[in-house]
C-alpha cells in the first residue's frame, strides 16, 4: 500500500493486540490490573523505609546493603512492590470472574475491547512523544513519513504539552523523598553525641591552675 511503512504495521499490531487482550480479559480485570500496579507502587513508596532493616537481615543481602542505606531502601521498595503486585494479581481474577459470569459479562467484554483500543492508542502516542524528545536532531525517515505519525501528530503534541519538561528532575525528587531517612539528618544525633563527648574529654583533661604559695613569715 502506497504511503504505508513498517511503522504503520507495528502501530496497527499494537492497537489490535491490545484490543484483543482487553476483550478476552474484560474491562473490570484490565482496570483492576492497572490499579494494582498503581497501588503496589504507592505501598512500596510508603513502606520501603520500614522494610529496609528486615531486608538487611536476609543472608547474602546483608553484606551488600548493610552499609548502604539507599541501596537497602531500593531493595525494600522492590520487595514491597513485588509482594503487593502478587497480592493484587491474586485478588483481581476473583473480582473480575464474578462480573464475567454475571449478566454483565458481555458488556464487560465490549467495554474491555474499547479500553484496549484506547490503551493501544495511548501507548503509540507515548512512543511518538519519546521519539520526538530523544531524536531531536537525527530523525528517522521511516517514522516521520509514516501515516501513523501524521494521524497521531496532533494528539501527541497536546499530550506532550501536559508532560513537564523536567521529568528526570521530578523522578530525582521522588527518589530523594524515598531515601530521606538516609540523608545527613539521620546522622546528626550521632555527630552531636561525638561532639559532646569530645568537649567533655577536653574539659576533663584541662590542666588545673596551680595554687599560689603562702607568703613566708
Protein backbone atom coordinates (compact mmCIF):
# COMPACT_ATOMS: atom_id res chain seq x y z
CA UNK A 1 0.00 0.00 0.00
CA UNK A 2 1.41 3.37 -1.08
CA UNK A 3 2.35 5.67 1.76
CA UNK A 4 2.37 2.99 4.45
CA UNK A 5 5.60 1.98 6.18
CA UNK A 6 6.70 -0.69 8.61
CA UNK A 7 5.92 1.73 11.46
CA UNK A 8 2.26 1.76 10.43
CA UNK A 9 2.15 -2.03 10.59
CA UNK A 10 3.71 -2.03 14.05
CA UNK A 11 1.25 0.63 15.27
CA UNK A 12 -1.71 -1.35 13.93
CA UNK A 13 -0.42 -4.55 15.54
CA UNK A 14 -0.05 -2.83 18.94
CA UNK A 15 -3.59 -1.45 18.87
CA UNK A 16 -5.18 -4.71 17.64
CA UNK A 17 -3.25 -6.85 20.14
CA UNK A 18 -4.18 -4.54 22.99
CA UNK A 19 -7.85 -4.64 21.96
CA UNK A 20 -7.92 -8.46 21.70
CA UNK A 21 -6.25 -8.94 25.08
CA UNK A 22 -8.58 -6.47 26.77
CA UNK A 23 -11.62 -8.10 25.14
CA UNK A 24 -10.63 -11.55 26.41
CA UNK A 25 -9.85 -10.29 29.90
CA UNK A 26 -12.70 -7.82 30.27
CA UNK A 27 -12.86 -4.19 31.32
CA UNK A 28 -13.04 -4.89 35.05
CA UNK A 29 -9.95 -7.08 35.06
CA UNK A 30 -7.95 -4.64 32.93
CA UNK A 31 -8.92 -1.71 35.16
CA UNK A 32 -8.11 -3.59 38.34
CA UNK A 33 -4.76 -4.65 36.88
CA UNK A 34 -3.78 -1.03 36.27
CA UNK A 35 -4.99 -0.02 39.72
CA UNK A 36 -2.97 -2.90 41.14
CA UNK A 37 0.25 -1.54 39.62
CA UNK A 38 -0.50 1.93 40.96
CA UNK A 39 -1.43 0.60 44.40
CA UNK A 40 1.70 -1.56 44.57
CA UNK A 41 3.87 1.44 43.75
CA UNK A 42 2.19 3.57 46.42
CA UNK A 43 2.52 0.87 49.07
CA UNK A 44 6.16 0.30 48.17
CA UNK A 45 6.89 4.02 48.43
CA UNK A 46 5.28 4.20 51.87
CA UNK A 47 6.67 1.03 53.47
CA UNK A 48 10.10 0.74 51.82
CA UNK A 49 11.97 2.55 54.66
CA UNK A 50 10.30 0.33 57.26
CA UNK A 51 11.17 -2.87 55.39
CA UNK A 52 14.82 -1.91 54.87
CA UNK A 53 16.01 -3.23 58.31
CA UNK A 54 14.28 -6.55 57.58
CA UNK A 55 15.96 -6.82 54.19
CA UNK A 56 19.31 -6.27 55.86
CA UNK A 57 18.79 -9.46 57.92
CA UNK A 58 18.49 -11.68 54.84
CA UNK A 59 21.61 -13.80 54.19
CA UNK A 60 23.68 -12.85 51.14
CA UNK A 61 21.94 -9.45 51.09
CA UNK A 62 23.11 -8.11 54.42
CA UNK A 63 26.70 -7.91 53.18
CA UNK A 64 25.58 -5.88 50.17
CA UNK A 65 23.19 -3.40 51.72
CA UNK A 66 24.25 -3.33 55.37
CA UNK A 67 26.37 -0.21 54.91
CA UNK A 68 24.35 1.34 52.08
CA UNK A 69 21.10 2.92 53.22
CA UNK A 70 19.99 3.97 49.73
CA UNK A 71 20.53 0.51 48.26
CA UNK A 72 18.66 -1.05 51.19
CA UNK A 73 15.71 1.30 50.66
CA UNK A 74 15.61 0.45 46.96
CA UNK A 75 15.65 -3.25 47.82
CA UNK A 76 12.82 -2.69 50.30
CA UNK A 77 10.84 -0.85 47.63
CA UNK A 78 11.32 -3.74 45.18
CA UNK A 79 10.26 -6.36 47.74
CA UNK A 80 7.12 -4.49 48.85
CA UNK A 81 6.21 -3.72 45.24
CA UNK A 82 6.58 -7.37 44.20
CA UNK A 83 4.57 -8.71 47.14
CA UNK A 84 1.81 -6.15 46.68
CA UNK A 85 1.67 -6.86 42.95
CA UNK A 86 1.35 -10.60 43.57
CA UNK A 87 -1.44 -9.95 46.07
CA UNK A 88 -3.33 -7.73 43.64
CA UNK A 89 -2.83 -10.24 40.83
CA UNK A 90 -4.48 -12.92 43.00
CA UNK A 91 -7.43 -10.75 44.01
CA UNK A 92 -8.08 -9.27 40.55
CA UNK A 93 -9.29 -12.50 38.84
CA UNK A 94 -11.60 -13.21 41.78
CA UNK A 95 -13.48 -9.95 41.33
CA UNK A 96 -13.42 -9.99 37.53
CA UNK A 97 -14.70 -13.57 37.29
CA UNK A 98 -17.78 -12.61 39.26
CA UNK A 99 -18.61 -9.94 36.68
CA UNK A 100 -17.84 -12.18 33.69
CA UNK A 101 -20.16 -14.93 34.95
CA UNK A 102 -23.00 -12.48 35.52
CA UNK A 103 -25.38 -10.85 33.07
CA UNK A 104 -22.85 -8.04 32.63
CA UNK A 105 -20.28 -10.35 31.07
CA UNK A 106 -20.98 -9.21 27.51
CA UNK A 107 -20.92 -5.57 28.49
CA UNK A 108 -17.67 -6.13 30.35
CA UNK A 109 -16.04 -7.66 27.27
CA UNK A 110 -17.35 -4.91 24.98
CA UNK A 111 -16.04 -2.19 27.25
CA UNK A 112 -12.81 -4.13 27.55
CA UNK A 113 -12.41 -4.04 23.76
CA UNK A 114 -12.88 -0.26 23.70
CA UNK A 115 -10.50 0.07 26.62
CA UNK A 116 -7.91 -1.99 24.77
CA UNK A 117 -8.16 0.21 21.68
CA UNK A 118 -7.75 3.36 23.82
CA UNK A 119 -4.80 1.81 25.66
CA UNK A 120 -3.11 0.84 22.41
CA UNK A 121 -3.55 4.36 21.02
CA UNK A 122 -2.14 5.83 24.24
CA UNK A 123 0.92 3.56 24.04
CA UNK A 124 1.51 4.63 20.44
CA UNK A 125 1.15 8.33 21.33
CA UNK A 126 3.61 7.94 24.21
CA UNK A 127 6.06 6.19 21.87
CA UNK A 128 5.88 9.13 19.43
CA UNK A 129 6.42 11.59 22.30
CA UNK A 130 9.52 9.72 23.44
CA UNK A 131 10.73 9.66 19.85
CA UNK A 132 10.25 13.42 19.48
CA UNK A 133 12.10 14.14 22.74
CA UNK A 134 15.03 11.83 22.10
CA UNK A 135 15.53 12.18 18.35
CA UNK A 136 15.69 15.96 18.24
CA UNK A 137 18.44 16.23 15.62
CA UNK A 138 18.75 12.88 13.84
CA UNK A 139 15.28 12.00 12.59
CA UNK A 140 14.25 8.63 11.16
CA UNK A 141 12.62 8.99 7.75
CA UNK A 142 10.56 5.82 8.15
CA UNK A 143 8.92 7.23 11.27
CA UNK A 144 8.42 10.79 10.01
CA UNK A 145 6.95 9.64 6.70
CA UNK A 146 4.55 7.11 8.21
CA UNK A 147 0.81 7.65 8.18
CA UNK A 148 0.72 6.96 11.91
CA UNK A 149 2.97 9.93 12.67
CA UNK A 150 0.62 12.18 10.69
CA UNK A 151 -2.51 10.77 12.32
CA UNK A 152 -1.23 10.95 15.92
CA UNK A 153 0.77 14.16 15.50
CA UNK A 154 -1.88 16.45 16.96
CA UNK A 155 -2.72 14.10 19.82
CA UNK A 156 0.92 13.54 20.75
CA UNK A 157 1.56 17.29 20.62
CA UNK A 158 -1.24 18.03 23.07
CA UNK A 159 -0.15 15.29 25.46
CA UNK A 160 3.47 16.39 25.19
CA UNK A 161 2.49 19.85 26.41
CA UNK A 162 0.98 18.31 29.55
CA UNK A 163 4.17 16.42 30.42
CA UNK A 164 6.70 18.51 32.38
CA UNK A 165 9.97 19.08 30.59
CA UNK A 166 11.86 18.35 33.81
CA UNK A 167 10.58 14.79 34.15
CA UNK A 168 14.01 13.43 35.21
CA UNK A 169 14.14 16.12 37.90
CA UNK A 170 10.71 15.05 39.15
CA UNK A 171 11.89 11.44 39.38
CA UNK A 172 15.04 12.54 41.20
CA UNK A 173 12.90 14.50 43.70
CA UNK A 174 10.75 11.42 44.35
CA UNK A 175 13.88 9.34 44.91
CA UNK A 176 15.24 11.90 47.37
CA UNK A 177 11.94 11.75 49.22
CA UNK A 178 12.11 7.95 49.28
CA UNK A 179 15.60 7.91 50.84
CA UNK A 180 15.06 10.95 53.07
CA UNK A 181 15.91 8.86 56.17
CA UNK A 182 19.35 8.18 54.69
CA UNK A 183 20.28 11.86 54.49
CA UNK A 184 22.52 13.96 56.75
CA UNK A 185 19.70 14.40 59.27
CA UNK A 186 19.84 10.70 60.07
CA UNK A 187 23.46 11.03 61.24
CA UNK A 188 23.01 14.33 63.09
CA UNK A 189 22.31 12.79 66.54
CA UNK A 190 25.41 10.63 66.30
CA UNK A 191 27.53 13.59 65.27
CA UNK A 192 26.15 15.66 68.15
CA UNK A 193 26.94 12.87 70.60
CA UNK A 194 30.52 12.63 69.33
CA UNK A 195 30.96 16.39 69.62
CA UNK A 196 29.65 16.38 73.20
CA UNK A 197 31.98 13.54 74.16
CA UNK A 198 34.96 15.40 72.68
CA UNK A 199 34.05 18.56 74.61
CA UNK A 200 33.76 16.60 77.87
CA UNK A 201 37.13 14.96 77.34
CA UNK A 202 38.76 18.29 76.57
CA UNK A 203 37.26 19.84 79.69
CA UNK A 204 38.38 16.95 81.86
CA UNK A 205 41.94 16.97 80.61
CA UNK A 206 42.39 20.74 81.06
CA UNK A 207 45.27 21.47 83.49
CA UNK A 208 44.12 22.94 86.78
CA UNK A 209 45.88 26.24 87.59
CA UNK A 210 48.48 25.98 90.37
CA UNK A 211 47.53 27.35 93.80
CA UNK A 212 49.71 30.39 94.84
CA UNK A 213 52.26 29.63 97.59
CA UNK A 214 51.65 31.09 101.05
CA UNK A 215 53.90 34.10 101.93
CA UNK A 216 56.91 33.35 104.13
CA UNK A 217 56.94 34.58 107.72
